[in-house]
Amino acid sequence: MTFIETVPEEAAPEAVGQLYEAVRGTYGYLTNFAAAFSLRPEVFGAWMKLNGAIKANMDLRRYELATLAAARRLRSSYCALAHGTVLADRYLQPGEELGAIASDHRAAGLDAVDVAVMDFAERVVDDASAITAADLEHLRSLGLSDAEIFDVALAAAARCFFSKTLDALGVQPDNRYAELEPGLREALVVGRPIAEA
């Protein structure tokens, strides 16, 4: 599950117990990422505040598209699975297929804004220093405001923190993702394998 020892539920001090309780309340089970953050629950709390502040200003479908693009580019199976399934469950329209979006968003029938947002998120992950004013002008030409462009940059950059932390510690995606349809699972498992039961 991880390369580090995590705090077991039965031995959790108050702050870790609160983290575990909050995650169980949201997900219905104790996630592998919550166990990993048990060594620094205050960092997890700060992450939740930062991520919440980023999402509060964004269209949530756009947030999930940008996050999926960043997670795939980072080769983060955990984040690709988590955000891909949220995207499919809550935000995709009839006819939009997550497997196609995850495999090649440019050929998946998305509109030009969605494609540009996902492209920009990938560029942030790949080499943010190579992004030029012309790249942002392209996003503006599609109707994005500077604040919306900033939000996409924040979503992609924040994903770097979370995904890289999990992968550096060997945190595997939760076993529940093994229940996904095989083709979709294959499109979203881009790095570490799903945890065994």
N, C-alpha and C. Protein backbone atom coordinates (compact mmCIF):
# COMPACT_ATOMS: atom_id res chain seq x y z
N MET A 1 0.83 -1.20 0.00
CA MET A 1 0.00 0.00 0.00
C MET A 1 0.87 1.26 0.00
N THR A 2 1.91 1.33 0.87
CA THR A 2 2.84 2.45 0.88
C THR A 2 4.23 1.94 1.24
N PHE A 3 5.23 2.76 0.97
CA PHE A 3 6.59 2.44 1.34
C PHE A 3 6.90 2.88 2.77
N ILE A 4 5.99 3.60 3.40
CA ILE A 4 6.21 4.10 4.75
C ILE A 4 5.20 3.46 5.70
N GLU A 5 5.54 3.48 6.98
CA GLU A 5 4.60 3.01 7.99
C GLU A 5 3.62 4.13 8.29
N THR A 6 2.34 3.80 8.30
CA THR A 6 1.31 4.78 8.57
C THR A 6 0.71 4.51 9.94
N VAL A 7 -0.09 5.44 10.42
CA VAL A 7 -0.67 5.32 11.75
C VAL A 7 -1.94 4.47 11.67
N PRO A 8 -1.97 3.33 12.37
CA PRO A 8 -3.18 2.50 12.34
C PRO A 8 -4.33 3.20 13.05
N GLU A 9 -5.53 2.91 12.61
CA GLU A 9 -6.71 3.58 13.18
C GLU A 9 -6.79 3.40 14.68
N GLU A 10 -6.51 2.20 15.15
CA GLU A 10 -6.66 1.92 16.58
C GLU A 10 -5.64 2.65 17.45
N ALA A 11 -4.56 3.15 16.83
CA ALA A 11 -3.53 3.87 17.58
C ALA A 11 -3.47 5.35 17.20
N ALA A 12 -4.49 5.83 16.51
CA ALA A 12 -4.44 7.19 15.98
C ALA A 12 -4.62 8.23 17.09
N PRO A 13 -3.68 9.19 17.19
CA PRO A 13 -3.90 10.32 18.10
C PRO A 13 -5.04 11.18 17.57
N GLU A 14 -5.46 12.16 18.35
CA GLU A 14 -6.66 12.92 18.02
C GLU A 14 -6.66 13.52 16.62
N ALA A 15 -5.57 14.17 16.23
CA ALA A 15 -5.53 14.83 14.92
C ALA A 15 -5.66 13.82 13.78
N VAL A 16 -5.00 12.68 13.93
CA VAL A 16 -5.09 11.64 12.90
C VAL A 16 -6.48 11.01 12.90
N GLY A 17 -7.03 10.80 14.08
CA GLY A 17 -8.38 10.27 14.18
C GLY A 17 -9.39 11.18 13.49
N GLN A 18 -9.21 12.49 13.63
CA GLN A 18 -10.11 13.44 12.97
C GLN A 18 -9.95 13.37 11.44
N LEU A 19 -8.71 13.22 11.00
CA LEU A 19 -8.45 13.06 9.56
C LEU A 19 -9.16 11.81 9.05
N TYR A 20 -8.96 10.69 9.75
CA TYR A 20 -9.58 9.43 9.32
C TYR A 20 -11.10 9.53 9.32
N GLU A 21 -11.64 10.15 10.34
CA GLU A 21 -13.10 10.28 10.45
C GLU A 21 -13.65 11.14 9.30
N ALA A 22 -12.96 12.22 8.99
CA ALA A 22 -13.41 13.10 7.91
C ALA A 22 -13.37 12.38 6.56
N VAL A 23 -12.31 11.63 6.33
CA VAL A 23 -12.18 10.91 5.06
C VAL A 23 -13.22 9.81 4.97
N ARG A 24 -13.44 9.08 6.06
CA ARG A 24 -14.50 8.05 6.06
C ARG A 24 -15.86 8.67 5.78
N GLY A 25 -16.11 9.84 6.35
CA GLY A 25 -17.38 10.52 6.14
C GLY A 25 -17.59 10.91 4.69
N THR A 26 -16.52 11.27 4.00
CA THR A 26 -16.60 11.70 2.61
C THR A 26 -16.64 10.51 1.65
N TYR A 27 -15.77 9.53 1.88
CA TYR A 27 -15.60 8.44 0.92
C TYR A 27 -16.30 7.14 1.33
N GLY A 28 -16.64 7.02 2.61
CA GLY A 28 -17.26 5.79 3.08
C GLY A 28 -16.27 4.72 3.50
N TYR A 29 -15.01 5.01 3.38
CA TYR A 29 -13.94 4.09 3.79
C TYR A 29 -12.67 4.90 3.99
N LEU A 30 -11.66 4.26 4.59
CA LEU A 30 -10.39 4.94 4.81
C LEU A 30 -9.54 4.78 3.55
N THR A 31 -9.26 5.88 2.90
CA THR A 31 -8.49 5.84 1.66
C THR A 31 -7.00 5.63 1.95
N ASN A 32 -6.30 5.13 0.95
CA ASN A 32 -4.86 4.96 1.09
C ASN A 32 -4.14 6.30 1.21
N PHE A 33 -4.66 7.34 0.54
CA PHE A 33 -3.99 8.64 0.65
C PHE A 33 -4.14 9.22 2.04
N ALA A 34 -5.27 8.97 2.71
CA ALA A 34 -5.44 9.47 4.08
C ALA A 34 -4.47 8.78 5.02
N ALA A 35 -4.30 7.49 4.85
CA ALA A 35 -3.34 6.76 5.69
C ALA A 35 -1.94 7.32 5.50
N ALA A 36 -1.57 7.63 4.26
CA ALA A 36 -0.23 8.18 4.00
C ALA A 36 -0.03 9.51 4.70
N PHE A 37 -1.06 10.34 4.71
CA PHE A 37 -0.94 11.65 5.36
C PHE A 37 -1.08 11.58 6.87
N SER A 38 -1.26 10.37 7.43
CA SER A 38 -1.41 10.24 8.88
C SER A 38 -0.16 10.69 9.64
N LEU A 39 0.97 10.71 8.95
CA LEU A 39 2.20 11.16 9.60
C LEU A 39 2.26 12.69 9.72
N ARG A 40 1.49 13.38 8.89
CA ARG A 40 1.44 14.84 8.92
C ARG A 40 0.01 15.31 8.64
N PRO A 41 -0.91 15.08 9.58
CA PRO A 41 -2.30 15.46 9.33
C PRO A 41 -2.49 16.96 9.11
N GLU A 42 -1.61 17.77 9.69
CA GLU A 42 -1.74 19.22 9.50
C GLU A 42 -1.45 19.61 8.05
N VAL A 43 -0.57 18.86 7.39
CA VAL A 43 -0.30 19.13 5.97
C VAL A 43 -1.52 18.76 5.14
N PHE A 44 -2.16 17.64 5.48
CA PHE A 44 -3.37 17.26 4.77
C PHE A 44 -4.46 18.33 4.95
N GLY A 45 -4.59 18.84 6.15
CA GLY A 45 -5.56 19.91 6.39
C GLY A 45 -5.27 21.14 5.55
N ALA A 46 -3.99 21.49 5.44
CA ALA A 46 -3.61 22.65 4.62
C ALA A 46 -3.89 22.38 3.14
N TRP A 47 -3.61 21.15 2.71
CA TRP A 47 -3.91 20.76 1.32
C TRP A 47 -5.40 20.90 1.03
N MET A 48 -6.24 20.43 1.95
CA MET A 48 -7.68 20.49 1.74
C MET A 48 -8.15 21.95 1.62
N LYS A 49 -7.57 22.82 2.43
CA LYS A 49 -7.93 24.24 2.35
C LYS A 49 -7.49 24.84 1.01
N LEU A 50 -6.26 24.54 0.61
CA LEU A 50 -5.76 25.06 -0.67
C LEU A 50 -6.60 24.53 -1.82
N ASN A 51 -6.81 23.24 -1.86
CA ASN A 51 -7.57 22.65 -2.96
C ASN A 51 -9.01 23.16 -2.97
N GLY A 52 -9.58 23.32 -1.80
CA GLY A 52 -10.93 23.87 -1.71
C GLY A 52 -11.00 25.29 -2.23
N ALA A 53 -9.99 26.09 -1.93
CA ALA A 53 -9.95 27.47 -2.41
C ALA A 53 -9.82 27.52 -3.93
N ILE A 54 -9.03 26.61 -4.49
CA ILE A 54 -8.88 26.56 -5.95
C ILE A 54 -10.21 26.17 -6.59
N LYS A 55 -10.85 25.13 -6.09
CA LYS A 55 -12.10 24.64 -6.66
C LYS A 55 -13.24 25.65 -6.49
N ALA A 56 -13.20 26.43 -5.42
CA ALA A 56 -14.29 27.38 -5.14
C ALA A 56 -14.44 28.42 -6.24
N ASN A 57 -13.39 28.68 -6.97
CA ASN A 57 -13.42 29.71 -8.02
C ASN A 57 -13.58 29.14 -9.42
N MET A 58 -13.64 27.84 -9.54
CA MET A 58 -13.65 27.22 -10.87
C MET A 58 -14.98 26.54 -11.17
N ASP A 59 -15.30 26.49 -12.45
CA ASP A 59 -16.32 25.57 -12.90
C ASP A 59 -15.80 24.17 -12.57
N LEU A 60 -16.59 23.36 -11.87
CA LEU A 60 -16.07 22.09 -11.35
C LEU A 60 -15.80 21.08 -12.46
N ARG A 61 -16.53 21.15 -13.54
CA ARG A 61 -16.23 20.26 -14.67
C ARG A 61 -14.86 20.61 -15.24
N ARG A 62 -14.59 21.91 -15.38
CA ARG A 62 -13.29 22.35 -15.88
C ARG A 62 -12.17 21.93 -14.92
N TYR A 63 -12.43 22.05 -13.62
CA TYR A 63 -11.45 21.62 -12.63
C TYR A 63 -11.10 20.14 -12.82
N GLU A 64 -12.12 19.31 -13.00
CA GLU A 64 -11.88 17.87 -13.15
C GLU A 64 -11.15 17.56 -14.45
N LEU A 65 -11.49 18.26 -15.54
CA LEU A 65 -10.77 18.05 -16.80
C LEU A 65 -9.31 18.44 -16.67
N ALA A 66 -9.04 19.59 -16.07
CA ALA A 66 -7.65 20.04 -15.89
C ALA A 66 -6.89 19.09 -14.98
N THR A 67 -7.55 18.65 -13.94
CA THR A 67 -6.90 17.76 -12.97
C THR A 67 -6.61 16.40 -13.60
N LEU A 68 -7.56 15.88 -14.36
CA LEU A 68 -7.33 14.61 -15.06
C LEU A 68 -6.15 14.73 -16.02
N ALA A 69 -6.10 15.80 -16.78
CA ALA A 69 -4.99 16.00 -17.71
C ALA A 69 -3.65 16.06 -16.97
N ALA A 70 -3.62 16.80 -15.87
CA ALA A 70 -2.38 16.90 -15.09
C ALA A 70 -2.00 15.55 -14.49
N ALA A 71 -2.98 14.84 -13.95
CA ALA A 71 -2.70 13.55 -13.31
C ALA A 71 -2.17 12.54 -14.32
N ARG A 72 -2.75 12.51 -15.50
CA ARG A 72 -2.26 11.57 -16.52
C ARG A 72 -0.84 11.94 -16.92
N ARG A 73 -0.57 13.21 -17.08
CA ARG A 73 0.78 13.63 -17.49
C ARG A 73 1.80 13.31 -16.39
N LEU A 74 1.36 13.38 -15.13
CA LEU A 74 2.22 13.05 -13.99
C LEU A 74 2.36 11.55 -13.79
N ARG A 75 1.62 10.78 -14.56
CA ARG A 75 1.57 9.32 -14.43
C ARG A 75 1.08 8.91 -13.04
N SER A 76 0.11 9.65 -12.54
CA SER A 76 -0.49 9.37 -11.24
C SER A 76 -1.78 8.58 -11.43
N SER A 77 -1.67 7.28 -11.28
CA SER A 77 -2.87 6.44 -11.39
C SER A 77 -3.91 6.84 -10.36
N TYR A 78 -3.47 7.07 -9.13
CA TYR A 78 -4.42 7.38 -8.05
C TYR A 78 -5.26 8.59 -8.42
N CYS A 79 -4.62 9.67 -8.82
CA CYS A 79 -5.36 10.91 -9.11
C CYS A 79 -6.13 10.80 -10.42
N ALA A 80 -5.59 10.09 -11.42
CA ALA A 80 -6.33 9.90 -12.67
C ALA A 80 -7.60 9.10 -12.41
N LEU A 81 -7.49 8.05 -11.61
CA LEU A 81 -8.67 7.24 -11.28
C LEU A 81 -9.68 8.04 -10.48
N ALA A 82 -9.20 8.74 -9.46
CA ALA A 82 -10.11 9.49 -8.59
C ALA A 82 -10.84 10.58 -9.36
N HIS A 83 -10.10 11.38 -10.10
CA HIS A 83 -10.73 12.52 -10.78
C HIS A 83 -11.44 12.10 -12.06
N GLY A 84 -10.95 11.06 -12.69
CA GLY A 84 -11.66 10.54 -13.86
C GLY A 84 -13.03 10.03 -13.48
N THR A 85 -13.13 9.30 -12.39
CA THR A 85 -14.44 8.77 -12.00
C THR A 85 -15.38 9.88 -11.53
N VAL A 86 -14.85 10.90 -10.85
CA VAL A 86 -15.69 12.04 -10.47
C VAL A 86 -16.20 12.73 -11.73
N LEU A 87 -15.33 12.92 -12.69
CA LEU A 87 -15.72 13.57 -13.95
C LEU A 87 -16.84 12.79 -14.63
N ALA A 88 -16.68 11.48 -14.73
CA ALA A 88 -17.68 10.65 -15.39
C ALA A 88 -19.00 10.64 -14.62
N ASP A 89 -18.92 10.52 -13.31
CA ASP A 89 -20.13 10.41 -12.49
C ASP A 89 -20.93 11.70 -12.41
N ARG A 90 -20.24 12.83 -12.43
CA ARG A 90 -20.93 14.10 -12.15
C ARG A 90 -21.02 15.09 -13.30
N TYR A 91 -20.08 15.05 -14.23
CA TYR A 91 -19.98 16.17 -15.15
C TYR A 91 -20.02 15.86 -16.64
N LEU A 92 -19.86 14.62 -17.02
CA LEU A 92 -19.87 14.34 -18.45
C LEU A 92 -21.30 14.30 -18.97
N GLN A 93 -21.48 14.80 -20.17
CA GLN A 93 -22.79 14.81 -20.82
C GLN A 93 -23.00 13.48 -21.54
N PRO A 94 -24.24 13.13 -21.85
CA PRO A 94 -24.48 11.92 -22.64
C PRO A 94 -23.66 11.95 -23.92
N GLY A 95 -23.04 10.85 -24.23
CA GLY A 95 -22.20 10.76 -25.42
C GLY A 95 -20.74 11.05 -25.16
N GLU A 96 -20.43 11.73 -24.06
CA GLU A 96 -19.02 11.96 -23.71
C GLU A 96 -18.52 10.75 -22.94
N GLU A 97 -17.45 10.18 -23.38
CA GLU A 97 -16.95 8.98 -22.74
C GLU A 97 -15.61 9.24 -22.08
N LEU A 98 -15.53 8.87 -20.81
CA LEU A 98 -14.31 9.10 -20.06
C LEU A 98 -13.12 8.38 -20.66
N GLY A 99 -13.32 7.15 -21.10
CA GLY A 99 -12.21 6.39 -21.68
C GLY A 99 -11.59 7.11 -22.86
N ALA A 100 -12.42 7.70 -23.72
CA ALA A 100 -11.91 8.43 -24.88
C ALA A 100 -11.19 9.70 -24.43
N ILE A 101 -11.75 10.40 -23.45
CA ILE A 101 -11.12 11.62 -22.95
C ILE A 101 -9.77 11.31 -22.30
N ALA A 102 -9.75 10.23 -21.52
CA ALA A 102 -8.51 9.87 -20.83
C ALA A 102 -7.45 9.37 -21.80
N SER A 103 -7.86 8.69 -22.85
CA SER A 103 -6.89 8.14 -23.81
C SER A 103 -6.32 9.22 -24.73
N ASP A 104 -7.20 10.08 -25.26
CA ASP A 104 -6.75 11.15 -26.16
C ASP A 104 -7.82 12.24 -26.16
N HIS A 105 -7.67 13.21 -25.28
CA HIS A 105 -8.71 14.24 -25.14
C HIS A 105 -8.89 15.06 -26.42
N ARG A 106 -7.87 15.12 -27.26
CA ARG A 106 -7.98 15.91 -28.49
C ARG A 106 -8.89 15.24 -29.52
N ALA A 107 -9.05 13.93 -29.42
CA ALA A 107 -9.88 13.18 -30.38
C ALA A 107 -11.17 12.66 -29.74
N ALA A 108 -11.54 13.20 -28.58
CA ALA A 108 -12.67 12.65 -27.83
C ALA A 108 -13.97 13.41 -28.05
N GLY A 109 -13.98 14.38 -28.94
CA GLY A 109 -15.20 15.12 -29.21
C GLY A 109 -15.47 16.26 -28.24
N LEU A 110 -14.49 16.64 -27.44
CA LEU A 110 -14.64 17.77 -26.53
C LEU A 110 -14.62 19.07 -27.33
N ASP A 111 -15.20 20.12 -26.75
CA ASP A 111 -15.16 21.40 -27.45
C ASP A 111 -13.76 22.01 -27.34
N ALA A 112 -13.54 23.06 -28.11
CA ALA A 112 -12.20 23.67 -28.20
C ALA A 112 -11.71 24.20 -26.86
N VAL A 113 -12.62 24.71 -26.02
CA VAL A 113 -12.22 25.23 -24.72
C VAL A 113 -11.72 24.09 -23.82
N ASP A 114 -12.46 22.99 -23.77
CA ASP A 114 -12.05 21.85 -22.95
C ASP A 114 -10.70 21.30 -23.39
N VAL A 115 -10.52 21.18 -24.69
CA VAL A 115 -9.24 20.68 -25.21
C VAL A 115 -8.11 21.63 -24.83
N ALA A 116 -8.33 22.93 -24.98
CA ALA A 116 -7.29 23.91 -24.67
C ALA A 116 -6.96 23.90 -23.18
N VAL A 117 -7.97 23.75 -22.33
CA VAL A 117 -7.74 23.69 -20.88
C VAL A 117 -6.89 22.47 -20.54
N MET A 118 -7.24 21.32 -21.12
CA MET A 118 -6.46 20.11 -20.83
C MET A 118 -5.04 20.22 -21.38
N ASP A 119 -4.91 20.79 -22.57
CA ASP A 119 -3.57 21.02 -23.13
C ASP A 119 -2.74 21.91 -22.22
N PHE A 120 -3.35 22.99 -21.74
CA PHE A 120 -2.64 23.93 -20.88
C PHE A 120 -2.23 23.26 -19.56
N ALA A 121 -3.10 22.46 -18.98
CA ALA A 121 -2.76 21.74 -17.75
C ALA A 121 -1.58 20.80 -17.98
N GLU A 122 -1.56 20.14 -19.12
CA GLU A 122 -0.42 19.27 -19.45
C GLU A 122 0.86 20.09 -19.59
N ARG A 123 0.77 21.26 -20.19
CA ARG A 123 1.95 22.11 -20.37
C ARG A 123 2.50 22.58 -19.03
N VAL A 124 1.59 22.89 -18.09
CA VAL A 124 2.02 23.28 -16.75
C VAL A 124 2.84 22.16 -16.12
N VAL A 125 2.36 20.93 -16.25
CA VAL A 125 3.07 19.78 -15.68
C VAL A 125 4.39 19.54 -16.40
N ASP A 126 4.36 19.58 -17.72
CA ASP A 126 5.55 19.25 -18.52
C ASP A 126 6.69 20.23 -18.32
N ASP A 127 6.41 21.51 -18.50
CA ASP A 127 7.45 22.52 -18.40
C ASP A 127 6.79 23.89 -18.38
N ALA A 128 6.40 24.31 -17.21
CA ALA A 128 5.70 25.59 -17.08
C ALA A 128 6.56 26.75 -17.56
N SER A 129 7.88 26.60 -17.48
CA SER A 129 8.76 27.70 -17.92
C SER A 129 8.75 27.87 -19.43
N ALA A 130 8.24 26.91 -20.17
CA ALA A 130 8.17 27.01 -21.63
C ALA A 130 6.87 27.65 -22.11
N ILE A 131 5.94 27.90 -21.20
CA ILE A 131 4.68 28.55 -21.57
C ILE A 131 4.95 30.01 -21.91
N THR A 132 4.34 30.47 -23.00
CA THR A 132 4.57 31.84 -23.47
C THR A 132 3.28 32.66 -23.38
N ALA A 133 3.43 33.95 -23.59
CA ALA A 133 2.27 34.83 -23.63
C ALA A 133 1.31 34.41 -24.73
N ALA A 134 1.83 33.88 -25.83
CA ALA A 134 0.98 33.43 -26.94
C ALA A 134 0.09 32.26 -26.50
N ASP A 135 0.59 31.40 -25.62
CA ASP A 135 -0.22 30.28 -25.12
C ASP A 135 -1.43 30.82 -24.35
N LEU A 136 -1.20 31.83 -23.54
CA LEU A 136 -2.31 32.42 -22.79
C LEU A 136 -3.25 33.18 -23.71
N GLU A 137 -2.70 33.80 -24.74
CA GLU A 137 -3.55 34.52 -25.70
C GLU A 137 -4.50 33.55 -26.40
N HIS A 138 -4.02 32.35 -26.67
CA HIS A 138 -4.89 31.33 -27.28
C HIS A 138 -6.07 31.03 -26.36
N LEU A 139 -5.81 30.88 -25.08
CA LEU A 139 -6.89 30.62 -24.13
C LEU A 139 -7.85 31.81 -24.06
N ARG A 140 -7.32 33.01 -24.08
CA ARG A 140 -8.17 34.21 -24.09
C ARG A 140 -9.05 34.24 -25.34
N SER A 141 -8.47 33.84 -26.48
CA SER A 141 -9.23 33.87 -27.73
C SER A 141 -10.41 32.91 -27.71
N LEU A 142 -10.36 31.94 -26.82
CA LEU A 142 -11.46 30.98 -26.67
C LEU A 142 -12.47 31.43 -25.61
N GLY A 143 -12.20 32.60 -25.01
CA GLY A 143 -13.16 33.17 -24.07
C GLY A 143 -12.77 33.07 -22.61
N LEU A 144 -11.61 32.50 -22.28
CA LEU A 144 -11.21 32.42 -20.88
C LEU A 144 -10.67 33.76 -20.41
N SER A 145 -11.08 34.15 -19.23
CA SER A 145 -10.53 35.36 -18.60
C SER A 145 -9.18 35.02 -17.99
N ASP A 146 -8.43 36.06 -17.64
CA ASP A 146 -7.15 35.82 -16.98
C ASP A 146 -7.34 35.08 -15.67
N ALA A 147 -8.40 35.38 -14.94
CA ALA A 147 -8.66 34.68 -13.68
C ALA A 147 -8.93 33.21 -13.93
N GLU A 148 -9.64 32.89 -15.00
CA GLU A 148 -9.92 31.48 -15.32
C GLU A 148 -8.65 30.75 -15.75
N ILE A 149 -7.79 31.43 -16.47
CA ILE A 149 -6.50 30.85 -16.86
C ILE A 149 -5.68 30.58 -15.60
N PHE A 150 -5.67 31.53 -14.69
CA PHE A 150 -4.96 31.37 -13.42
C PHE A 150 -5.49 30.16 -12.66
N ASP A 151 -6.82 29.98 -12.66
CA ASP A 151 -7.41 28.84 -11.97
C ASP A 151 -6.93 27.51 -12.54
N VAL A 152 -6.84 27.42 -13.86
CA VAL A 152 -6.36 26.18 -14.49
C VAL A 152 -4.90 25.93 -14.11
N ALA A 153 -4.09 26.99 -14.11
CA ALA A 153 -2.68 26.84 -13.70
C ALA A 153 -2.60 26.36 -12.25
N LEU A 154 -3.44 26.93 -11.38
CA LEU A 154 -3.46 26.49 -9.99
C LEU A 154 -3.84 25.02 -9.86
N ALA A 155 -4.88 24.61 -10.57
CA ALA A 155 -5.33 23.22 -10.48
C ALA A 155 -4.23 22.26 -10.91
N ALA A 156 -3.55 22.57 -12.00
CA ALA A 156 -2.48 21.69 -12.49
C ALA A 156 -1.27 21.70 -11.56
N ALA A 157 -0.89 22.87 -11.09
CA ALA A 157 0.27 22.96 -10.20
C ALA A 157 0.00 22.28 -8.86
N ALA A 158 -1.20 22.45 -8.34
CA ALA A 158 -1.55 21.80 -7.08
C ALA A 158 -1.55 20.28 -7.23
N ARG A 159 -1.97 19.81 -8.39
CA ARG A 159 -1.97 18.36 -8.62
C ARG A 159 -0.55 17.81 -8.57
N CYS A 160 0.41 18.60 -9.01
CA CYS A 160 1.81 18.17 -8.93
C CYS A 160 2.19 17.85 -7.49
N PHE A 161 1.81 18.73 -6.57
CA PHE A 161 2.11 18.49 -5.16
C PHE A 161 1.50 17.19 -4.67
N PHE A 162 0.21 17.02 -4.86
CA PHE A 162 -0.48 15.88 -4.27
C PHE A 162 -0.06 14.58 -4.95
N SER A 163 -0.06 14.54 -6.26
CA SER A 163 0.29 13.32 -6.99
C SER A 163 1.72 12.89 -6.72
N LYS A 164 2.64 13.84 -6.75
CA LYS A 164 4.04 13.49 -6.54
C LYS A 164 4.30 13.03 -5.10
N THR A 165 3.58 13.60 -4.15
CA THR A 165 3.72 13.15 -2.77
C THR A 165 3.29 11.70 -2.65
N LEU A 166 2.12 11.37 -3.19
CA LEU A 166 1.62 10.00 -3.09
C LEU A 166 2.56 9.02 -3.80
N ASP A 167 2.97 9.35 -5.02
CA ASP A 167 3.81 8.42 -5.76
C ASP A 167 5.20 8.27 -5.15
N ALA A 168 5.73 9.34 -4.57
CA ALA A 168 7.04 9.24 -3.92
C ALA A 168 7.02 8.30 -2.73
N LEU A 169 5.86 8.12 -2.13
CA LEU A 169 5.72 7.25 -0.95
C LEU A 169 5.15 5.89 -1.29
N GLY A 170 4.94 5.62 -2.57
CA GLY A 170 4.44 4.31 -2.99
C GLY A 170 2.97 4.08 -2.68
N VAL A 171 2.19 5.14 -2.57
CA VAL A 171 0.77 5.00 -2.23
C VAL A 171 0.01 4.53 -3.48
N GLN A 172 -0.63 3.37 -3.36
CA GLN A 172 -1.38 2.81 -4.49
C GLN A 172 -2.83 3.26 -4.46
N PRO A 173 -3.45 3.34 -5.63
CA PRO A 173 -4.88 3.66 -5.68
C PRO A 173 -5.70 2.65 -4.88
N ASP A 174 -6.78 3.11 -4.30
CA ASP A 174 -7.64 2.25 -3.51
C ASP A 174 -8.18 1.09 -4.34
N ASN A 175 -8.35 -0.05 -3.70
CA ASN A 175 -8.78 -1.26 -4.38
C ASN A 175 -10.15 -1.11 -5.04
N ARG A 176 -10.98 -0.20 -4.57
CA ARG A 176 -12.32 -0.06 -5.16
C ARG A 176 -12.26 0.28 -6.64
N TYR A 177 -11.16 0.87 -7.09
CA TYR A 177 -11.03 1.20 -8.51
C TYR A 177 -10.85 -0.04 -9.38
N ALA A 178 -10.53 -1.16 -8.78
CA ALA A 178 -10.42 -2.40 -9.54
C ALA A 178 -11.77 -2.83 -10.11
N GLU A 179 -12.85 -2.28 -9.59
CA GLU A 179 -14.19 -2.62 -10.05
C GLU A 179 -14.59 -1.88 -11.33
N LEU A 180 -13.79 -0.92 -11.76
CA LEU A 180 -14.10 -0.18 -12.98
C LEU A 180 -14.06 -1.11 -14.19
N GLU A 181 -14.79 -0.73 -15.21
CA GLU A 181 -14.79 -1.47 -16.47
C GLU A 181 -13.34 -1.56 -16.97
N PRO A 182 -12.91 -2.74 -17.44
CA PRO A 182 -11.48 -2.94 -17.76
C PRO A 182 -10.88 -1.91 -18.72
N GLY A 183 -11.58 -1.53 -19.77
CA GLY A 183 -11.02 -0.55 -20.71
C GLY A 183 -10.81 0.80 -20.08
N LEU A 184 -11.75 1.21 -19.24
CA LEU A 184 -11.63 2.49 -18.54
C LEU A 184 -10.50 2.42 -17.53
N ARG A 185 -10.44 1.32 -16.82
CA ARG A 185 -9.36 1.14 -15.83
C ARG A 185 -8.01 1.24 -16.52
N GLU A 186 -7.89 0.62 -17.67
CA GLU A 186 -6.62 0.65 -18.42
C GLU A 186 -6.26 2.07 -18.83
N ALA A 187 -7.26 2.87 -19.20
CA ALA A 187 -6.98 4.25 -19.62
C ALA A 187 -6.55 5.12 -18.45
N LEU A 188 -6.97 4.77 -17.24
CA LEU A 188 -6.70 5.62 -16.08
C LEU A 188 -5.53 5.14 -15.22
N VAL A 189 -5.15 3.88 -15.34
CA VAL A 189 -3.98 3.39 -14.59
C VAL A 189 -2.75 3.71 -15.44
N VAL A 190 -2.13 4.82 -15.11
CA VAL A 190 -1.03 5.36 -15.92
C VAL A 190 0.32 5.27 -15.21
N GLY A 191 0.31 4.77 -14.00
CA GLY A 191 1.53 4.68 -13.19
C GLY A 191 1.42 3.48 -12.25
N ARG A 192 1.36 3.74 -10.97
CA ARG A 192 1.29 2.67 -9.98
C ARG A 192 0.00 1.86 -10.15
N PRO A 193 0.09 0.53 -9.92
CA PRO A 193 -1.10 -0.30 -10.04
C PRO A 193 -2.06 -0.09 -8.88
N ILE A 194 -3.30 -0.51 -9.09
CA ILE A 194 -4.32 -0.46 -8.05
C ILE A 194 -3.93 -1.43 -6.94
N ALA A 195 -4.18 -1.04 -5.71
CA ALA A 195 -3.83 -1.88 -4.55
C ALA A 195 -4.61 -3.20 -4.58
N GLU A 196 -3.97 -4.24 -4.10
CA GLU A 196 -4.66 -5.53 -3.93
C GLU A 196 -5.70 -5.38 -2.83
N ALA A 197 -6.67 -6.25 -2.85
CA ALA A 197 -7.73 -6.21 -1.81
C ALA A 197 -7.13 -6.42 -0.44
